[in-house]
Amino acid sequence: MRPELLDLVADRFKALSDRARLSLLQELRGGSCTVNELVEATGMGQANVSRHLAILFNHGLVSRERDGVYVRYELADADVLKLCELVCGRLESELAERKKVISGR
């Protein structure tokens, strides 16, 4: 892989390395949302949601569109959720295996 591509991949993973941003992506799985809808769904503050959405937008993970006085955000590429599901599935398998080892089975 070319070094400049590695930098882009590292940047994308950096954007995904925050629990709040992952939570926002999960909420957007159901369709587009406004900042206020995401605040209500996640329990995060408005400034926090806006800051994390800006990071996700700048990394190409979400898109935004003006809808009257509101801005609606949506997933720019649903494949990012496949990556999250792959990682989560692997972690669940590892946790199950660790429980077996700890319990002696």
Protein backbone atom coordinates (compact mmCIF):
# COMPACT_ATOMS: atom_id res chain seq x y z
CA MET A 1 0.00 0.00 0.00
CA ARG A 2 1.29 3.46 -0.89
CA PRO A 3 2.35 5.67 2.06
CA GLU A 4 -0.16 8.42 1.20
CA LEU A 5 -2.94 5.82 1.18
CA LEU A 6 -1.77 4.51 4.54
CA ASP A 7 -2.06 8.05 5.90
CA LEU A 8 -5.66 8.29 4.66
CA VAL A 9 -6.53 4.92 6.19
CA ALA A 10 -4.95 5.93 9.50
CA ASP A 11 -6.93 9.20 9.46
CA ARG A 12 -10.18 7.34 8.78
CA PHE A 13 -9.53 4.93 11.64
CA LYS A 14 -8.67 7.86 13.90
CA ALA A 15 -12.10 9.34 13.15
CA LEU A 16 -13.68 5.99 14.07
CA SER A 17 -11.70 5.61 17.29
CA ASP A 18 -14.13 7.56 19.45
CA ARG A 19 -17.10 5.98 21.24
CA ALA A 20 -19.29 9.06 20.74
CA ARG A 21 -18.66 9.09 16.99
CA LEU A 22 -19.41 5.37 16.74
CA SER A 23 -22.64 6.00 18.61
CA LEU A 24 -23.62 8.73 16.15
CA LEU A 25 -22.88 6.44 13.21
CA GLN A 26 -25.07 3.75 14.77
CA GLU A 27 -27.93 6.24 15.14
CA LEU A 28 -27.56 7.31 11.52
CA ARG A 29 -27.94 3.69 10.47
CA GLY A 30 -31.71 4.26 10.67
CA GLY A 31 -31.62 7.22 8.28
CA SER A 32 -30.87 10.91 8.26
CA CYS A 33 -31.11 12.94 11.47
CA THR A 34 -30.75 16.50 12.64
CA VAL A 35 -28.35 17.47 15.41
CA ASN A 36 -31.30 17.81 17.80
CA GLU A 37 -32.56 14.32 16.94
CA LEU A 38 -29.08 12.92 17.58
CA VAL A 39 -28.84 14.82 20.88
CA GLU A 40 -32.11 13.25 21.98
CA ALA A 41 -31.16 9.76 20.79
CA THR A 42 -27.67 9.70 22.33
CA GLY A 43 -28.00 11.89 25.41
CA MET A 44 -24.92 13.86 24.38
CA GLY A 45 -24.89 17.65 24.48
CA GLN A 46 -25.61 19.68 21.36
CA ALA A 47 -22.10 21.14 21.14
CA ASN A 48 -20.57 17.69 21.55
CA VAL A 49 -22.77 16.15 18.83
CA SER A 50 -22.00 19.03 16.46
CA ARG A 51 -18.26 18.70 17.07
CA HIS A 52 -18.25 14.96 16.44
CA LEU A 53 -20.44 15.31 13.33
CA ALA A 54 -17.96 17.86 11.96
CA ILE A 55 -15.14 15.36 12.41
CA LEU A 56 -17.16 12.59 10.75
CA PHE A 57 -18.07 14.95 7.90
CA ASN A 58 -14.47 16.09 7.39
CA HIS A 59 -13.40 12.45 7.12
CA GLY A 60 -16.09 11.61 4.58
CA LEU A 61 -18.05 9.34 6.90
CA VAL A 62 -21.26 11.38 6.94
CA SER A 63 -22.86 13.76 4.49
CA ARG A 64 -25.13 16.67 5.28
CA GLU A 65 -27.95 18.45 3.53
CA ARG A 66 -29.87 21.57 4.44
CA ASP A 67 -33.57 20.99 5.10
CA GLY A 68 -35.12 24.40 5.72
CA VAL A 69 -33.58 25.76 8.91
CA TYR A 70 -32.14 22.35 9.83
CA VAL A 71 -29.18 20.36 8.57
CA ARG A 72 -29.75 16.64 8.19
CA TYR A 73 -26.85 14.22 8.49
CA GLU A 74 -26.67 10.74 7.01
CA LEU A 75 -24.11 8.03 6.44
CA ALA A 76 -21.95 8.84 3.45
CA ASP A 77 -21.03 5.18 3.05
CA ALA A 78 -22.89 2.41 4.85
CA ASP A 79 -19.88 0.12 4.39
CA VAL A 80 -18.30 1.79 7.42
CA LEU A 81 -20.91 -0.01 9.53
CA LYS A 82 -19.85 -3.32 8.01
CA LEU A 83 -16.36 -2.63 9.31
CA CYS A 84 -17.77 -1.89 12.77
CA GLU A 85 -19.84 -5.08 12.68
CA LEU A 86 -16.79 -7.10 11.65
CA VAL A 87 -14.75 -5.74 14.56
CA CYS A 88 -17.64 -6.17 17.03
CA GLY A 89 -18.24 -9.73 15.88
CA ARG A 90 -14.59 -10.59 16.36
CA LEU A 91 -14.54 -8.98 19.81
CA GLU A 92 -17.65 -10.90 20.87
CA SER A 93 -15.94 -14.15 19.83
CA GLU A 94 -12.83 -13.22 21.80
CA LEU A 95 -14.86 -12.33 24.89
CA ALA A 96 -16.73 -15.64 24.71
CA GLU A 97 -13.43 -17.50 24.43
CA ARG A 98 -11.97 -15.63 27.41
CA LYS A 99 -15.02 -16.48 29.52
CA LYS A 100 -14.51 -20.16 28.69
CA VAL A 101 -10.86 -19.98 29.73
CA ILE A 102 -11.68 -18.16 32.96
CA SER A 103 -14.44 -20.57 33.88
CA GLY A 104 -12.19 -23.54 33.10
CA ARG A 105 -14.33 -24.99 30.30
